Amino acid sequence: RLAVTRRARGLGVGAALVRAIEDAARDLGLTAVDLHAQTRALGFYERLGYTAYGPEFQDAQIAHRAMRRPLGPA
């Protein structure tokens, strides 16, 4: 799970965390990152290049969608 306190939202902390995960995935030779996003956070991940796929599902009684972003060179 990824969470940023309200005071820190909008400062780029969440995007920096996602980019760090992507960098680590590239270092491991992975070609894509998949995640499960709360539906209310889809726009955040879409702005980072992720695309939703598959049906909506419940996780901890919260609506989610699977998302993926292919990784190119850094």
PDB file of N, CA and C in Angstrom:
ATOM      1  N   ARG A   1       0.836  -1.191   0.000  1.00  0.00           N
ATOM      2  CA  ARG A   1       0.000   0.000   0.000  1.00  0.00           C
ATOM      3  C   ARG A   1       0.873   1.243   0.000  1.00  0.00           C
ATOM      4  N   LEU A   2       0.354   2.261  -0.633  1.00  0.00           N
ATOM      5  CA  LEU A   2       1.033   3.549  -0.696  1.00  0.00           C
ATOM      6  C   LEU A   2       0.118   4.577  -0.041  1.00  0.00           C
ATOM      7  N   ALA A   3       0.643   5.306   0.912  1.00  0.00           N
ATOM      8  CA  ALA A   3      -0.144   6.349   1.562  1.00  0.00           C
ATOM      9  C   ALA A   3       0.751   7.541   1.853  1.00  0.00           C
ATOM     10  N   VAL A   4       0.192   8.721   1.658  1.00  0.00           N
ATOM     11  CA  VAL A   4       0.892   9.972   1.945  1.00  0.00           C
ATOM     12  C   VAL A   4      -0.033  10.788   2.848  1.00  0.00           C
ATOM     13  N   THR A   5       0.498  11.341   3.919  1.00  0.00           N
ATOM     14  CA  THR A   5      -0.336  12.131   4.824  1.00  0.00           C
ATOM     15  C   THR A   5      -0.946  13.318   4.087  1.00  0.00           C
ATOM     16  N   ARG A   6      -2.068  13.769   4.562  1.00  0.00           N
ATOM     17  CA  ARG A   6      -2.745  14.896   3.906  1.00  0.00           C
ATOM     18  C   ARG A   6      -1.841  16.109   3.769  1.00  0.00           C
ATOM     19  N   ARG A   7      -1.060  16.397   4.802  1.00  0.00           N
ATOM     20  CA  ARG A   7      -0.174  17.577   4.758  1.00  0.00           C
ATOM     21  C   ARG A   7       0.872  17.463   3.656  1.00  0.00           C
ATOM     22  N   ALA A   8       1.258  16.225   3.306  1.00  0.00           N
ATOM     23  CA  ALA A   8       2.305  16.029   2.308  1.00  0.00           C
ATOM     24  C   ALA A   8       1.750  15.821   0.896  1.00  0.00           C
ATOM     25  N   ARG A   9       0.441  15.694   0.765  1.00  0.00           N
ATOM     26  CA  ARG A   9      -0.138  15.472  -0.565  1.00  0.00           C
ATOM     27  C   ARG A   9       0.065  16.700  -1.432  1.00  0.00           C
ATOM     28  N   GLY A  10       0.303  16.450  -2.708  1.00  0.00           N
ATOM     29  CA  GLY A  10       0.523  17.536  -3.656  1.00  0.00           C
ATOM     30  C   GLY A  10       1.961  18.010  -3.712  1.00  0.00           C
ATOM     31  N   LEU A  11       2.832  17.400  -2.908  1.00  0.00           N
ATOM     32  CA  LEU A  11       4.246  17.794  -2.885  1.00  0.00           C
ATOM     33  C   LEU A  11       5.132  16.875  -3.722  1.00  0.00           C
ATOM     34  N   GLY A  12       4.528  15.868  -4.351  1.00  0.00           N
ATOM     35  CA  GLY A  12       5.297  14.948  -5.185  1.00  0.00           C
ATOM     36  C   GLY A  12       5.845  13.745  -4.446  1.00  0.00           C
ATOM     37  N   VAL A  13       5.466  13.575  -3.186  1.00  0.00           N
ATOM     38  CA  VAL A  13       5.980  12.456  -2.397  1.00  0.00           C
ATOM     39  C   VAL A  13       5.500  11.124  -2.974  1.00  0.00           C
ATOM     40  N   GLY A  14       4.206  11.019  -3.258  1.00  0.00           N
ATOM     41  CA  GLY A  14       3.656   9.782  -3.805  1.00  0.00           C
ATOM     42  C   GLY A  14       4.281   9.430  -5.140  1.00  0.00           C
ATOM     43  N   ALA A  15       4.415  10.406  -6.023  1.00  0.00           N
ATOM     44  CA  ALA A  15       5.029  10.162  -7.336  1.00  0.00           C
ATOM     45  C   ALA A  15       6.481   9.721  -7.169  1.00  0.00           C
ATOM     46  N   ALA A  16       7.199  10.311  -6.229  1.00  0.00           N
ATOM     47  CA  ALA A  16       8.589   9.932  -5.993  1.00  0.00           C
ATOM     48  C   ALA A  16       8.680   8.484  -5.496  1.00  0.00           C
ATOM     49  N   LEU A  17       7.745   8.079  -4.640  1.00  0.00           N
ATOM     50  CA  LEU A  17       7.739   6.698  -4.165  1.00  0.00           C
ATOM     51  C   LEU A  17       7.478   5.718  -5.311  1.00  0.00           C
ATOM     52  N   VAL A  18       6.516   6.044  -6.162  1.00  0.00           N
ATOM     53  CA  VAL A  18       6.212   5.177  -7.301  1.00  0.00           C
ATOM     54  C   VAL A  18       7.415   5.097  -8.239  1.00  0.00           C
ATOM     55  N   ARG A  19       8.052   6.223  -8.525  1.00  0.00           N
ATOM     56  CA  ARG A  19       9.226   6.224  -9.409  1.00  0.00           C
ATOM     57  C   ARG A  19      10.374   5.408  -8.799  1.00  0.00           C
ATOM     58  N   ALA A  20      10.532   5.454  -7.479  1.00  0.00           N
ATOM     59  CA  ALA A  20      11.575   4.653  -6.826  1.00  0.00           C
ATOM     60  C   ALA A  20      11.288   3.160  -6.995  1.00  0.00           C
ATOM     61  N   ILE A  21      10.023   2.772  -6.889  1.00  0.00           N
ATOM     62  CA  ILE A  21       9.651   1.371  -7.111  1.00  0.00           C
ATOM     63  C   ILE A  21       9.938   0.978  -8.556  1.00  0.00           C
ATOM     64  N   GLU A  22       9.600   1.863  -9.489  1.00  0.00           N
ATOM     65  CA  GLU A  22       9.872   1.575 -10.907  1.00  0.00           C
ATOM     66  C   GLU A  22      11.371   1.424 -11.158  1.00  0.00           C
ATOM     67  N   ASP A  23      12.175   2.278 -10.559  1.00  0.00           N
ATOM     68  CA  ASP A  23      13.633   2.176 -10.716  1.00  0.00           C
ATOM     69  C   ASP A  23      14.147   0.854 -10.168  1.00  0.00           C
ATOM     70  N   ALA A  24      13.632   0.441  -9.011  1.00  0.00           N
ATOM     71  CA  ALA A  24      14.039  -0.834  -8.419  1.00  0.00           C
ATOM     72  C   ALA A  24      13.620  -1.993  -9.323  1.00  0.00           C
ATOM     73  N   ALA A  25      12.435  -1.897  -9.920  1.00  0.00           N
ATOM     74  CA  ALA A  25      11.967  -2.942 -10.834  1.00  0.00           C
ATOM     75  C   ALA A  25      12.878  -3.034 -12.057  1.00  0.00           C
ATOM     76  N   ARG A  26      13.264  -1.890 -12.615  1.00  0.00           N
ATOM     77  CA  ARG A  26      14.200  -1.886 -13.755  1.00  0.00           C
ATOM     78  C   ARG A  26      15.526  -2.536 -13.365  1.00  0.00           C
ATOM     79  N   ASP A  27      16.031  -2.194 -12.174  1.00  0.00           N
ATOM     80  CA  ASP A  27      17.300  -2.767 -11.705  1.00  0.00           C
ATOM     81  C   ASP A  27      17.225  -4.287 -11.614  1.00  0.00           C
ATOM     82  N   LEU A  28      16.023  -4.808 -11.368  1.00  0.00           N
ATOM     83  CA  LEU A  28      15.816  -6.257 -11.293  1.00  0.00           C
ATOM     84  C   LEU A  28      15.563  -6.874 -12.667  1.00  0.00           C
ATOM     85  N   GLY A  29      15.526  -6.041 -13.703  1.00  0.00           N
ATOM     86  CA  GLY A  29      15.296  -6.535 -15.057  1.00  0.00           C
ATOM     87  C   GLY A  29      13.833  -6.730 -15.411  1.00  0.00           C
ATOM     88  N   LEU A  30      12.942  -6.185 -14.602  1.00  0.00           N
ATOM     89  CA  LEU A  30      11.514  -6.316 -14.891  1.00  0.00           C
ATOM     90  C   LEU A  30      11.126  -5.360 -16.006  1.00  0.00           C
ATOM     91  N   THR A  31      10.077  -5.720 -16.739  1.00  0.00           N
ATOM     92  CA  THR A  31       9.666  -4.917 -17.889  1.00  0.00           C
ATOM     93  C   THR A  31       8.362  -4.164 -17.665  1.00  0.00           C
ATOM     94  N   ALA A  32       7.716  -4.389 -16.520  1.00  0.00           N
ATOM     95  CA  ALA A  32       6.454  -3.697 -16.220  1.00  0.00           C
ATOM     96  C   ALA A  32       6.228  -3.709 -14.716  1.00  0.00           C
ATOM     97  N   VAL A  33       5.374  -2.786 -14.273  1.00  0.00           N
ATOM     98  CA  VAL A  33       4.920  -2.762 -12.885  1.00  0.00           C
ATOM     99  C   VAL A  33       3.404  -2.877 -12.906  1.00  0.00           C
ATOM    100  N   ASP A  34       2.877  -3.803 -12.114  1.00  0.00           N
ATOM    101  CA  ASP A  34       1.441  -3.959 -11.931  1.00  0.00           C
ATOM    102  C   ASP A  34       1.104  -3.555 -10.501  1.00  0.00           C
ATOM    103  N   LEU A  35      -0.071  -2.964 -10.327  1.00  0.00           N
ATOM    104  CA  LEU A  35      -0.508  -2.581  -8.987  1.00  0.00           C
ATOM    105  C   LEU A  35      -2.018  -2.645  -8.918  1.00  0.00           C
ATOM    106  N   HIS A  36      -2.536  -2.606  -7.708  1.00  0.00           N
ATOM    107  CA  HIS A  36      -3.968  -2.528  -7.454  1.00  0.00           C
ATOM    108  C   HIS A  36      -4.234  -1.167  -6.826  1.00  0.00           C
ATOM    109  N   ALA A  37      -4.975  -0.333  -7.534  1.00  0.00           N
ATOM    110  CA  ALA A  37      -5.229   1.039  -7.095  1.00  0.00           C
ATOM    111  C   ALA A  37      -6.665   1.195  -6.624  1.00  0.00           C
ATOM    112  N   GLN A  38      -6.838   1.931  -5.539  1.00  0.00           N
ATOM    113  CA  GLN A  38      -8.195   2.310  -5.167  1.00  0.00           C
ATOM    114  C   GLN A  38      -8.772   3.125  -6.314  1.00  0.00           C
ATOM    115  N   THR A  39     -10.035   2.906  -6.624  1.00  0.00           N
ATOM    116  CA  THR A  39     -10.617   3.597  -7.780  1.00  0.00           C
ATOM    117  C   THR A  39     -10.528   5.111  -7.640  1.00  0.00           C
ATOM    118  N   ARG A  40     -10.578   5.633  -6.428  1.00  0.00           N
ATOM    119  CA  ARG A  40     -10.469   7.082  -6.261  1.00  0.00           C
ATOM    120  C   ARG A  40      -9.068   7.601  -6.569  1.00  0.00           C
ATOM    121  N   ALA A  41      -8.072   6.704  -6.669  1.00  0.00           N
ATOM    122  CA  ALA A  41      -6.690   7.100  -6.971  1.00  0.00           C
ATOM    123  C   ALA A  41      -6.295   6.801  -8.414  1.00  0.00           C
ATOM    124  N   LEU A  42      -7.237   6.380  -9.245  1.00  0.00           N
ATOM    125  CA  LEU A  42      -6.900   6.033 -10.632  1.00  0.00           C
ATOM    126  C   LEU A  42      -6.232   7.192 -11.358  1.00  0.00           C
ATOM    127  N   GLY A  43      -6.735   8.387 -11.201  1.00  0.00           N
ATOM    128  CA  GLY A  43      -6.170   9.554 -11.890  1.00  0.00           C
ATOM    129  C   GLY A  43      -4.712   9.777 -11.526  1.00  0.00           C
ATOM    130  N   PHE A  44      -4.376   9.599 -10.267  1.00  0.00           N
ATOM    131  CA  PHE A  44      -2.983   9.745  -9.817  1.00  0.00           C
ATOM    132  C   PHE A  44      -2.080   8.801 -10.606  1.00  0.00           C
ATOM    133  N   TYR A  45      -2.463   7.529 -10.664  1.00  0.00           N
ATOM    134  CA  TYR A  45      -1.632   6.548 -11.356  1.00  0.00           C
ATOM    135  C   TYR A  45      -1.664   6.748 -12.873  1.00  0.00           C
ATOM    136  N   GLU A  46      -2.790   7.158 -13.415  1.00  0.00           N
ATOM    137  CA  GLU A  46      -2.859   7.434 -14.852  1.00  0.00           C
ATOM    138  C   GLU A  46      -1.883   8.547 -15.233  1.00  0.00           C
ATOM    139  N   ARG A  47      -1.770   9.567 -14.383  1.00  0.00           N
ATOM    140  CA  ARG A  47      -0.824  10.658 -14.655  1.00  0.00           C
ATOM    141  C   ARG A  47       0.627  10.162 -14.624  1.00  0.00           C
ATOM    142  N   LEU A  48       0.868   9.052 -13.957  1.00  0.00           N
ATOM    143  CA  LEU A  48       2.214   8.465 -13.910  1.00  0.00           C
ATOM    144  C   LEU A  48       2.426   7.426 -15.004  1.00  0.00           C
ATOM    145  N   GLY A  49       1.444   7.271 -15.894  1.00  0.00           N
ATOM    146  CA  GLY A  49       1.601   6.372 -17.034  1.00  0.00           C
ATOM    147  C   GLY A  49       0.984   4.998 -16.887  1.00  0.00           C
ATOM    148  N   TYR A  50       0.206   4.774 -15.841  1.00  0.00           N
ATOM    149  CA  TYR A  50      -0.436   3.477 -15.630  1.00  0.00           C
ATOM    150  C   TYR A  50      -1.776   3.420 -16.341  1.00  0.00           C
ATOM    151  N   THR A  51      -2.146   2.213 -16.778  1.00  0.00           N
ATOM    152  CA  THR A  51      -3.413   1.982 -17.459  1.00  0.00           C
ATOM    153  C   THR A  51      -4.186   0.917 -16.686  1.00  0.00           C
ATOM    154  N   ALA A  52      -5.460   1.202 -16.418  1.00  0.00           N
ATOM    155  CA  ALA A  52      -6.308   0.242 -15.714  1.00  0.00           C
ATOM    156  C   ALA A  52      -6.710  -0.883 -16.656  1.00  0.00           C
ATOM    157  N   TYR A  53      -6.850  -2.083 -16.092  1.00  0.00           N
ATOM    158  CA  TYR A  53      -7.343  -3.220 -16.873  1.00  0.00           C
ATOM    159  C   TYR A  53      -8.174  -4.112 -15.959  1.00  0.00           C
ATOM    160  N   GLY A  54      -9.034  -4.887 -16.567  1.00  0.00           N
ATOM    161  CA  GLY A  54      -9.865  -5.821 -15.816  1.00  0.00           C
ATOM    162  C   GLY A  54     -10.973  -5.119 -15.046  1.00  0.00           C
ATOM    163  N   PRO A  55     -11.818  -5.927 -14.422  1.00  0.00           N
ATOM    164  CA  PRO A  55     -12.967  -5.376 -13.705  1.00  0.00           C
ATOM    165  C   PRO A  55     -12.588  -4.772 -12.356  1.00  0.00           C
ATOM    166  N   GLU A  56     -13.472  -3.945 -11.851  1.00  0.00           N
ATOM    167  CA  GLU A  56     -13.319  -3.415 -10.500  1.00  0.00           C
ATOM    168  C   GLU A  56     -13.495  -4.569  -9.515  1.00  0.00           C
ATOM    169  N   PHE A  57     -12.770  -4.531  -8.406  1.00  0.00           N
ATOM    170  CA  PHE A  57     -12.894  -5.565  -7.376  1.00  0.00           C
ATOM    171  C   PHE A  57     -12.743  -4.928  -6.002  1.00  0.00           C
ATOM    172  N   GLN A  58     -13.118  -5.658  -4.997  1.00  0.00           N
ATOM    173  CA  GLN A  58     -13.059  -5.177  -3.624  1.00  0.00           C
ATOM    174  C   GLN A  58     -11.806  -5.709  -2.925  1.00  0.00           C
ATOM    175  N   ASP A  59     -11.105  -4.837  -2.235  1.00  0.00           N
ATOM    176  CA  ASP A  59      -9.983  -5.209  -1.380  1.00  0.00           C
ATOM    177  C   ASP A  59     -10.182  -4.424  -0.085  1.00  0.00           C
ATOM    178  N   ALA A  60     -10.278  -5.120   1.028  1.00  0.00           N
ATOM    179  CA  ALA A  60     -10.552  -4.475   2.316  1.00  0.00           C
ATOM    180  C   ALA A  60     -11.813  -3.613   2.235  1.00  0.00           C
ATOM    181  N   GLN A  61     -12.794  -4.094   1.492  1.00  0.00           N
ATOM    182  CA  GLN A  61     -14.081  -3.419   1.318  1.00  0.00           C
ATOM    183  C   GLN A  61     -13.956  -2.053   0.649  1.00  0.00           C
ATOM    184  N   ILE A  62     -12.905  -1.890  -0.182  1.00  0.00           N
ATOM    185  CA  ILE A  62     -12.678  -0.661  -0.939  1.00  0.00           C
ATOM    186  C   ILE A  62     -12.543  -1.046  -2.407  1.00  0.00           C
ATOM    187  N   ALA A  63     -13.221  -0.307  -3.300  1.00  0.00           N
ATOM    188  CA  ALA A  63     -13.171  -0.596  -4.729  1.00  0.00           C
ATOM    189  C   ALA A  63     -11.769  -0.331  -5.282  1.00  0.00           C
ATOM    190  N   HIS A  64     -11.261  -1.284  -6.073  1.00  0.00           N
ATOM    191  CA  HIS A  64      -9.937  -1.208  -6.680  1.00  0.00           C
ATOM    192  C   HIS A  64     -10.004  -1.601  -8.153  1.00  0.00           C
ATOM    193  N   ARG A  65      -8.966  -1.233  -8.897  1.00  0.00           N
ATOM    194  CA  ARG A  65      -8.739  -1.710 -10.265  1.00  0.00           C
ATOM    195  C   ARG A  65      -7.274  -2.094 -10.386  1.00  0.00           C
ATOM    196  N   ALA A  66      -7.012  -3.108 -11.183  1.00  0.00           N
ATOM    197  CA  ALA A  66      -5.638  -3.471 -11.508  1.00  0.00           C
ATOM    198  C   ALA A  66      -5.117  -2.461 -12.520  1.00  0.00           C
ATOM    199  N   MET A  67      -3.833  -2.114 -12.406  1.00  0.00           N
ATOM    200  CA  MET A  67      -3.207  -1.169 -13.331  1.00  0.00           C
ATOM    201  C   MET A  67      -1.811  -1.676 -13.683  1.00  0.00           C
ATOM    202  N   ARG A  68      -1.330  -1.250 -14.844  1.00  0.00           N
ATOM    203  CA  ARG A  68      -0.003  -1.670 -15.310  1.00  0.00           C
ATOM    204  C   ARG A  68       0.683  -0.525 -16.025  1.00  0.00           C
ATOM    205  N   ARG A  69       2.008  -0.493 -15.893  1.00  0.00           N
ATOM    206  CA  ARG A  69       2.831   0.440 -16.654  1.00  0.00           C
ATOM    207  C   ARG A  69       4.050  -0.305 -17.174  1.00  0.00           C
ATOM    208  N   PRO A  70       4.178  -0.387 -18.504  1.00  0.00           N
ATOM    209  CA  PRO A  70       5.404  -0.970 -19.065  1.00  0.00           C
ATOM    210  C   PRO A  70       6.593  -0.076 -18.711  1.00  0.00           C
ATOM    211  N   LEU A  71       7.728  -0.688 -18.470  1.00  0.00           N
ATOM    212  CA  LEU A  71       8.929   0.060 -18.122  1.00  0.00           C
ATOM    213  C   LEU A  71       9.885   0.102 -19.298  1.00  0.00           C
ATOM    214  N   GLY A  72      10.270   1.297 -19.672  1.00  0.00           N
ATOM    215  CA  GLY A  72      11.318   1.470 -20.653  1.00  0.00           C
ATOM    216  C   GLY A  72      12.599   1.828 -19.907  1.00  0.00           C
ATOM    217  N   PRO A  73      13.623   2.199 -20.639  1.00  0.00           N
ATOM    218  CA  PRO A  73      14.862   2.639 -19.975  1.00  0.00           C
ATOM    219  C   PRO A  73      14.604   3.869 -19.098  1.00  0.00           C
ATOM    220  N   ALA A  74      15.363   4.007 -18.051  1.00  0.00           N
ATOM    221  CA  ALA A  74      15.199   5.139 -17.116  1.00  0.00           C
ATOM    222  C   ALA A  74      15.453   6.467 -17.787  1.00  0.00           C
TER     223      ALA A  74
END
